[in-house]
Amino acid sequence: MGPLGGRNKKGLVAEINVTPLVDVMLVLLIIFMVTAPMMTQGLEVDLPKTTAKALRQHEEPIVITIKQSGEVMLGQIQVSASLLRQQLGTLSEEKKKEPVYLRADEKVPYGVVVATMADIRASGFEKVGMITLPSDKEKQGQ
């Protein structure tokens, strides 16, 4: 005799087969694991050298210096953190659109530099640049 009700024992399965999905996800995971370290490292590129002169600026940029002792200088004047915010806050809105350059001794603690950057941002400046020296390799042309 045949199956009851005339039906076959092998019926249609109403579940989704997730095996191909898992296979694709594992392949993507492996691809991302292989390519992720490449994205965090820079590429070695020889940039072109130029003989053009630097553009002349009409006004001197605002330079804030942090000495090794922790003293903060606005131009050539020593200021405290509150006085720095006050002095920068009094500048015009047009001047606040220009960048402020921060020059800090390499032995200054990171927290002091970040706090000074926060004071600059709190006074209304959006662009903060860091003044650095080229590394010894760059100086030697290697």
N, C-alpha and C. Protein backbone atom coordinates (compact mmCIF):
# COMPACT_ATOMS: atom_id res chain seq x y z
N MET A 1 0.83 -1.17 0.00
CA MET A 1 0.00 0.00 0.00
C MET A 1 0.86 1.23 0.00
N GLY A 2 0.27 2.30 -0.51
CA GLY A 2 1.00 3.57 -0.61
C GLY A 2 0.83 4.39 0.66
N PRO A 3 1.40 5.58 0.65
CA PRO A 3 1.30 6.46 1.80
C PRO A 3 -0.14 6.87 2.05
N LEU A 4 -0.42 7.21 3.29
CA LEU A 4 -1.77 7.59 3.64
C LEU A 4 -2.16 8.87 2.93
N GLY A 5 -3.35 8.91 2.48
CA GLY A 5 -3.87 10.09 1.83
C GLY A 5 -3.28 10.32 0.46
N GLY A 6 -2.51 9.40 -0.05
CA GLY A 6 -1.94 9.54 -1.38
C GLY A 6 -0.78 10.51 -1.45
N ARG A 7 -0.24 10.92 -0.32
CA ARG A 7 0.87 11.88 -0.33
C ARG A 7 2.19 11.16 -0.20
N ASN A 8 3.21 11.80 -0.73
CA ASN A 8 4.56 11.29 -0.63
C ASN A 8 5.12 11.68 0.74
N LYS A 9 5.99 10.86 1.34
CA LYS A 9 6.57 11.21 2.63
C LYS A 9 7.51 12.40 2.51
N LYS A 10 8.11 12.58 1.34
CA LYS A 10 8.99 13.73 1.12
C LYS A 10 8.14 14.90 0.68
N GLY A 11 7.89 15.81 1.58
CA GLY A 11 7.13 17.00 1.24
C GLY A 11 8.07 18.19 1.04
N LEU A 12 7.54 19.33 0.67
CA LEU A 12 8.33 20.54 0.50
C LEU A 12 8.72 21.08 1.87
N VAL A 13 9.96 21.57 1.94
CA VAL A 13 10.45 22.13 3.19
C VAL A 13 10.16 23.63 3.18
N ALA A 14 9.52 24.12 4.22
CA ALA A 14 9.14 25.52 4.28
C ALA A 14 10.16 26.37 5.02
N GLU A 15 11.37 25.85 5.26
CA GLU A 15 12.40 26.61 5.97
C GLU A 15 13.40 27.18 4.98
N ILE A 16 14.04 28.28 5.37
CA ILE A 16 15.05 28.91 4.54
C ILE A 16 16.38 28.20 4.76
N ASN A 17 17.08 27.92 3.69
CA ASN A 17 18.38 27.29 3.78
C ASN A 17 19.41 28.38 4.04
N VAL A 18 20.00 28.41 5.23
CA VAL A 18 20.94 29.47 5.61
C VAL A 18 22.39 29.10 5.32
N THR A 19 22.64 27.92 4.85
CA THR A 19 24.03 27.49 4.58
C THR A 19 24.72 28.39 3.56
N PRO A 20 24.10 28.74 2.42
CA PRO A 20 24.77 29.65 1.48
C PRO A 20 25.02 31.04 2.09
N LEU A 21 24.11 31.51 2.92
CA LEU A 21 24.27 32.80 3.57
C LEU A 21 25.47 32.79 4.51
N VAL A 22 25.62 31.72 5.28
CA VAL A 22 26.76 31.59 6.19
C VAL A 22 28.05 31.50 5.41
N ASP A 23 28.06 30.78 4.28
CA ASP A 23 29.25 30.68 3.45
C ASP A 23 29.68 32.06 2.93
N VAL A 24 28.75 32.82 2.45
CA VAL A 24 29.06 34.16 1.93
C VAL A 24 29.57 35.07 3.05
N MET A 25 28.96 35.00 4.21
CA MET A 25 29.39 35.84 5.32
C MET A 25 30.80 35.49 5.78
N LEU A 26 31.14 34.20 5.80
CA LEU A 26 32.49 33.79 6.18
C LEU A 26 33.53 34.27 5.16
N VAL A 27 33.19 34.21 3.88
CA VAL A 27 34.10 34.70 2.85
C VAL A 27 34.31 36.21 3.02
N LEU A 28 33.25 36.96 3.24
CA LEU A 28 33.37 38.41 3.46
C LEU A 28 34.20 38.72 4.71
N LEU A 29 34.00 37.95 5.77
CA LEU A 29 34.77 38.15 6.99
C LEU A 29 36.26 37.94 6.73
N ILE A 30 36.60 36.91 6.00
CA ILE A 30 38.01 36.65 5.68
C ILE A 30 38.58 37.78 4.82
N ILE A 31 37.83 38.26 3.84
CA ILE A 31 38.30 39.36 3.00
C ILE A 31 38.56 40.61 3.83
N PHE A 32 37.65 40.96 4.73
CA PHE A 32 37.84 42.15 5.57
C PHE A 32 39.00 41.97 6.53
N MET A 33 39.20 40.76 7.04
CA MET A 33 40.31 40.53 7.95
C MET A 33 41.65 40.68 7.24
N VAL A 34 41.70 40.28 5.97
CA VAL A 34 42.94 40.40 5.21
C VAL A 34 43.20 41.84 4.79
N THR A 35 42.17 42.57 4.41
CA THR A 35 42.36 43.94 3.89
C THR A 35 42.41 45.00 4.97
N ALA A 36 41.92 44.74 6.17
CA ALA A 36 41.89 45.77 7.22
C ALA A 36 43.28 46.28 7.59
N PRO A 37 44.30 45.45 7.76
CA PRO A 37 45.62 46.00 8.08
C PRO A 37 46.18 46.91 6.98
N MET A 38 45.80 46.68 5.75
CA MET A 38 46.29 47.52 4.66
C MET A 38 45.69 48.92 4.70
N MET A 39 44.50 49.04 5.26
CA MET A 39 43.85 50.34 5.32
C MET A 39 44.42 51.22 6.41
N THR A 40 45.04 50.65 7.44
CA THR A 40 45.57 51.46 8.53
C THR A 40 46.98 51.93 8.27
N GLN A 41 47.68 51.35 7.31
CA GLN A 41 49.03 51.75 7.00
C GLN A 41 49.02 52.68 5.81
N GLY A 42 49.92 53.67 5.82
CA GLY A 42 50.03 54.57 4.71
C GLY A 42 50.83 53.95 3.58
N LEU A 43 50.65 54.48 2.41
CA LEU A 43 51.39 54.02 1.25
C LEU A 43 52.60 54.91 1.06
N GLU A 44 53.69 54.33 0.63
CA GLU A 44 54.92 55.07 0.37
C GLU A 44 54.78 55.74 -0.99
N VAL A 45 54.76 57.07 -1.00
CA VAL A 45 54.59 57.82 -2.24
C VAL A 45 55.66 58.90 -2.29
N ASP A 46 56.34 59.00 -3.42
CA ASP A 46 57.30 60.09 -3.61
C ASP A 46 56.54 61.27 -4.19
N LEU A 47 56.39 62.30 -3.39
CA LEU A 47 55.66 63.47 -3.84
C LEU A 47 56.57 64.34 -4.69
N PRO A 48 55.99 65.06 -5.64
CA PRO A 48 56.82 65.91 -6.50
C PRO A 48 57.38 67.10 -5.73
N LYS A 49 58.57 67.51 -6.12
CA LYS A 49 59.21 68.68 -5.52
C LYS A 49 58.82 69.90 -6.35
N THR A 50 58.64 71.03 -5.68
CA THR A 50 58.29 72.25 -6.40
C THR A 50 59.31 73.33 -6.11
N THR A 51 59.40 74.25 -7.02
CA THR A 51 60.30 75.39 -6.83
C THR A 51 59.50 76.66 -6.59
N ALA A 52 58.20 76.51 -6.49
CA ALA A 52 57.34 77.68 -6.27
C ALA A 52 57.57 78.22 -4.86
N LYS A 53 57.49 79.52 -4.74
CA LYS A 53 57.65 80.16 -3.44
C LYS A 53 56.34 80.06 -2.66
N ALA A 54 56.47 80.17 -1.36
CA ALA A 54 55.28 80.12 -0.51
C ALA A 54 54.42 81.36 -0.77
N LEU A 55 53.13 81.17 -0.62
CA LEU A 55 52.23 82.30 -0.80
C LEU A 55 52.40 83.30 0.32
N ARG A 56 52.38 84.56 -0.02
CA ARG A 56 52.52 85.61 0.98
C ARG A 56 51.19 85.81 1.68
N GLN A 57 51.26 85.96 2.96
CA GLN A 57 50.05 86.24 3.73
C GLN A 57 50.06 87.70 4.10
N HIS A 58 48.86 88.30 4.08
CA HIS A 58 48.76 89.71 4.41
C HIS A 58 48.97 89.94 5.90
N GLU A 59 48.54 89.00 6.70
CA GLU A 59 48.66 89.13 8.14
C GLU A 59 49.39 87.92 8.71
N GLU A 60 50.01 88.13 9.84
CA GLU A 60 50.66 87.02 10.53
C GLU A 60 49.59 86.09 11.10
N PRO A 61 49.76 84.77 10.97
CA PRO A 61 48.78 83.84 11.55
C PRO A 61 48.90 83.86 13.08
N ILE A 62 47.84 83.40 13.73
CA ILE A 62 47.85 83.30 15.19
C ILE A 62 48.60 82.02 15.56
N VAL A 63 49.68 82.17 16.32
CA VAL A 63 50.49 81.03 16.74
C VAL A 63 50.47 80.95 18.26
N ILE A 64 50.08 79.80 18.78
CA ILE A 64 50.09 79.56 20.22
C ILE A 64 51.17 78.54 20.50
N THR A 65 52.06 78.87 21.43
CA THR A 65 53.19 78.00 21.75
C THR A 65 53.06 77.47 23.16
N ILE A 66 53.33 76.18 23.33
CA ILE A 66 53.38 75.58 24.66
C ILE A 66 54.82 75.17 24.90
N LYS A 67 55.46 75.79 25.87
CA LYS A 67 56.85 75.48 26.19
C LYS A 67 56.93 74.18 26.98
N GLN A 68 58.16 73.67 27.09
CA GLN A 68 58.39 72.42 27.81
C GLN A 68 57.95 72.54 29.27
N SER A 69 58.07 73.73 29.83
CA SER A 69 57.68 73.95 31.22
C SER A 69 56.16 74.02 31.39
N GLY A 70 55.41 74.05 30.28
CA GLY A 70 53.94 74.11 30.35
C GLY A 70 53.39 75.50 30.18
N GLU A 71 54.25 76.52 30.02
CA GLU A 71 53.79 77.89 29.82
C GLU A 71 53.15 78.00 28.44
N VAL A 72 52.01 78.69 28.38
CA VAL A 72 51.31 78.90 27.13
C VAL A 72 51.58 80.33 26.68
N MET A 73 52.00 80.47 25.42
CA MET A 73 52.34 81.78 24.87
C MET A 73 51.40 82.08 23.70
N LEU A 74 50.80 83.26 23.71
CA LEU A 74 50.00 83.75 22.59
C LEU A 74 50.87 84.77 21.88
N GLY A 75 51.46 84.36 20.76
CA GLY A 75 52.47 85.20 20.13
C GLY A 75 53.70 85.19 21.01
N GLN A 76 54.08 86.35 21.54
CA GLN A 76 55.24 86.45 22.43
C GLN A 76 54.83 86.71 23.88
N ILE A 77 53.53 86.65 24.16
CA ILE A 77 53.01 86.99 25.49
C ILE A 77 52.57 85.72 26.21
N GLN A 78 53.02 85.56 27.47
CA GLN A 78 52.61 84.42 28.27
C GLN A 78 51.20 84.66 28.79
N VAL A 79 50.33 83.65 28.64
CA VAL A 79 48.94 83.77 29.07
C VAL A 79 48.53 82.51 29.83
N SER A 80 47.50 82.65 30.65
CA SER A 80 46.91 81.49 31.31
C SER A 80 45.81 80.94 30.40
N ALA A 81 45.25 79.79 30.76
CA ALA A 81 44.21 79.18 29.93
C ALA A 81 42.98 80.08 29.83
N SER A 82 42.57 80.69 30.93
CA SER A 82 41.38 81.55 30.89
C SER A 82 41.65 82.82 30.09
N LEU A 83 42.86 83.38 30.22
CA LEU A 83 43.21 84.58 29.46
C LEU A 83 43.32 84.25 27.97
N LEU A 84 43.79 83.05 27.64
CA LEU A 84 43.87 82.63 26.24
C LEU A 84 42.48 82.59 25.62
N ARG A 85 41.53 81.97 26.33
CA ARG A 85 40.14 81.92 25.83
C ARG A 85 39.58 83.32 25.68
N GLN A 86 39.86 84.18 26.64
CA GLN A 86 39.34 85.55 26.60
C GLN A 86 39.93 86.33 25.43
N GLN A 87 41.25 86.23 25.23
CA GLN A 87 41.90 86.97 24.15
C GLN A 87 41.44 86.46 22.78
N LEU A 88 41.33 85.16 22.62
CA LEU A 88 40.88 84.62 21.34
C LEU A 88 39.40 84.91 21.11
N GLY A 89 38.61 84.96 22.18
CA GLY A 89 37.18 85.24 22.06
C GLY A 89 36.88 86.66 21.63
N THR A 90 37.80 87.59 21.86
CA THR A 90 37.57 88.98 21.49
C THR A 90 37.85 89.26 20.01
N LEU A 91 38.42 88.31 19.30
CA LEU A 91 38.73 88.53 17.89
C LEU A 91 37.46 88.48 17.05
N SER A 92 37.52 89.09 15.88
CA SER A 92 36.34 89.18 15.01
C SER A 92 35.97 87.80 14.46
N GLU A 93 34.72 87.70 14.00
CA GLU A 93 34.24 86.43 13.44
C GLU A 93 35.00 86.08 12.16
N GLU A 94 35.41 87.08 11.40
CA GLU A 94 36.19 86.84 10.18
C GLU A 94 37.55 86.25 10.53
N LYS A 95 38.17 86.75 11.59
CA LYS A 95 39.47 86.25 12.03
C LYS A 95 39.33 84.81 12.56
N LYS A 96 38.17 84.49 13.13
CA LYS A 96 37.95 83.15 13.68
C LYS A 96 37.79 82.10 12.59
N LYS A 97 37.58 82.52 11.35
CA LYS A 97 37.50 81.57 10.24
C LYS A 97 38.88 81.15 9.77
N GLU A 98 39.92 81.89 10.15
CA GLU A 98 41.29 81.56 9.78
C GLU A 98 41.83 80.51 10.75
N PRO A 99 42.84 79.75 10.33
CA PRO A 99 43.38 78.73 11.23
C PRO A 99 44.26 79.31 12.33
N VAL A 100 44.29 78.62 13.45
CA VAL A 100 45.18 78.93 14.56
C VAL A 100 46.23 77.83 14.57
N TYR A 101 47.49 78.20 14.70
CA TYR A 101 48.56 77.22 14.69
C TYR A 101 49.07 76.99 16.10
N LEU A 102 49.16 75.73 16.48
CA LEU A 102 49.61 75.34 17.81
C LEU A 102 50.97 74.68 17.70
N ARG A 103 51.94 75.23 18.43
CA ARG A 103 53.30 74.68 18.44
C ARG A 103 53.60 74.27 19.87
N ALA A 104 53.83 72.98 20.07
CA ALA A 104 54.07 72.47 21.42
C ALA A 104 55.38 71.68 21.45
N ASP A 105 56.11 71.82 22.54
CA ASP A 105 57.33 71.05 22.74
C ASP A 105 56.95 69.58 22.81
N GLU A 106 57.83 68.70 22.29
CA GLU A 106 57.49 67.28 22.26
C GLU A 106 57.43 66.65 23.64
N LYS A 107 57.97 67.29 24.65
CA LYS A 107 57.95 66.76 26.01
C LYS A 107 56.75 67.25 26.82
N VAL A 108 55.92 68.09 26.22
CA VAL A 108 54.71 68.57 26.90
C VAL A 108 53.72 67.41 26.97
N PRO A 109 53.11 67.17 28.14
CA PRO A 109 52.13 66.08 28.25
C PRO A 109 50.96 66.27 27.28
N TYR A 110 50.49 65.16 26.77
CA TYR A 110 49.40 65.14 25.80
C TYR A 110 48.16 65.87 26.33
N GLY A 111 47.87 65.71 27.60
CA GLY A 111 46.69 66.34 28.19
C GLY A 111 46.74 67.85 28.12
N VAL A 112 47.92 68.44 28.28
CA VAL A 112 48.06 69.90 28.20
C VAL A 112 47.77 70.38 26.78
N VAL A 113 48.28 69.64 25.79
CA VAL A 113 48.06 70.01 24.39
C VAL A 113 46.57 69.92 24.06
N VAL A 114 45.93 68.84 24.48
CA VAL A 114 44.51 68.65 24.18
C VAL A 114 43.66 69.72 24.89
N ALA A 115 44.03 70.05 26.13
CA ALA A 115 43.28 71.09 26.86
C ALA A 115 43.43 72.43 26.16
N THR A 116 44.60 72.74 25.66
CA THR A 116 44.80 74.00 24.94
C THR A 116 44.01 74.00 23.64
N MET A 117 43.98 72.86 22.94
CA MET A 117 43.17 72.77 21.72
C MET A 117 41.68 72.96 22.04
N ALA A 118 41.24 72.43 23.15
CA ALA A 118 39.84 72.60 23.56
C ALA A 118 39.55 74.07 23.87
N ASP A 119 40.51 74.76 24.49
CA ASP A 119 40.33 76.19 24.76
C ASP A 119 40.23 76.99 23.47
N ILE A 120 41.03 76.62 22.48
CA ILE A 120 40.99 77.30 21.19
C ILE A 120 39.63 77.08 20.53
N ARG A 121 39.16 75.84 20.56
CA ARG A 121 37.85 75.54 19.96
C ARG A 121 36.72 76.22 20.72
N ALA A 122 36.84 76.31 22.05
CA ALA A 122 35.80 76.94 22.86
C ALA A 122 35.71 78.43 22.59
N SER A 123 36.79 79.04 22.13
CA SER A 123 36.76 80.47 21.86
C SER A 123 36.21 80.78 20.48
N GLY A 124 35.83 79.76 19.70
CA GLY A 124 35.15 80.00 18.43
C GLY A 124 35.93 79.64 17.19
N PHE A 125 37.15 79.17 17.32
CA PHE A 125 37.96 78.80 16.16
C PHE A 125 37.65 77.36 15.77
N GLU A 126 37.48 77.12 14.47
CA GLU A 126 37.19 75.78 13.98
C GLU A 126 38.43 75.09 13.44
N LYS A 127 39.38 75.86 12.92
CA LYS A 127 40.56 75.28 12.29
C LYS A 127 41.77 75.43 13.20
N VAL A 128 42.31 74.30 13.64
CA VAL A 128 43.51 74.30 14.48
C VAL A 128 44.56 73.47 13.76
N GLY A 129 45.71 74.08 13.50
CA GLY A 129 46.81 73.39 12.84
C GLY A 129 47.94 73.16 13.82
N MET A 130 48.70 72.09 13.60
CA MET A 130 49.84 71.78 14.45
C MET A 130 51.12 72.08 13.67
N ILE A 131 52.04 72.78 14.31
CA ILE A 131 53.34 73.05 13.70
C ILE A 131 54.30 71.97 14.16
N THR A 132 54.90 71.29 13.20
CA THR A 132 55.85 70.22 13.51
C THR A 132 57.11 70.41 12.66
N LEU A 133 58.14 69.69 13.03
CA LEU A 133 59.36 69.66 12.24
C LEU A 133 59.37 68.38 11.43
N PRO A 134 59.99 68.41 10.24
CA PRO A 134 60.09 67.15 9.49
C PRO A 134 61.00 66.19 10.21
N SER A 135 60.74 64.90 10.02
CA SER A 135 61.57 63.88 10.68
C SER A 135 62.97 63.89 10.08
N ASP A 136 63.91 63.21 10.73
CA ASP A 136 65.29 63.16 10.24
C ASP A 136 65.36 62.53 8.86
N LYS A 137 64.52 61.54 8.58
CA LYS A 137 64.49 60.90 7.28
C LYS A 137 64.10 61.91 6.20
N GLU A 138 63.11 62.76 6.51
CA GLU A 138 62.67 63.74 5.53
C GLU A 138 63.74 64.80 5.32
N LYS A 139 64.46 65.15 6.39
CA LYS A 139 65.53 66.15 6.28
C LYS A 139 66.64 65.64 5.38
N GLN A 140 66.94 64.35 5.46
CA GLN A 140 68.04 63.79 4.67
C GLN A 140 67.61 63.45 3.25
N GLY A 141 66.32 63.54 2.97
CA GLY A 141 65.82 63.27 1.62
C GLY A 141 65.65 61.80 1.32
N GLN A 142 65.54 60.98 2.33
CA GLN A 142 65.38 59.54 2.11
C GLN A 142 63.93 59.18 2.02
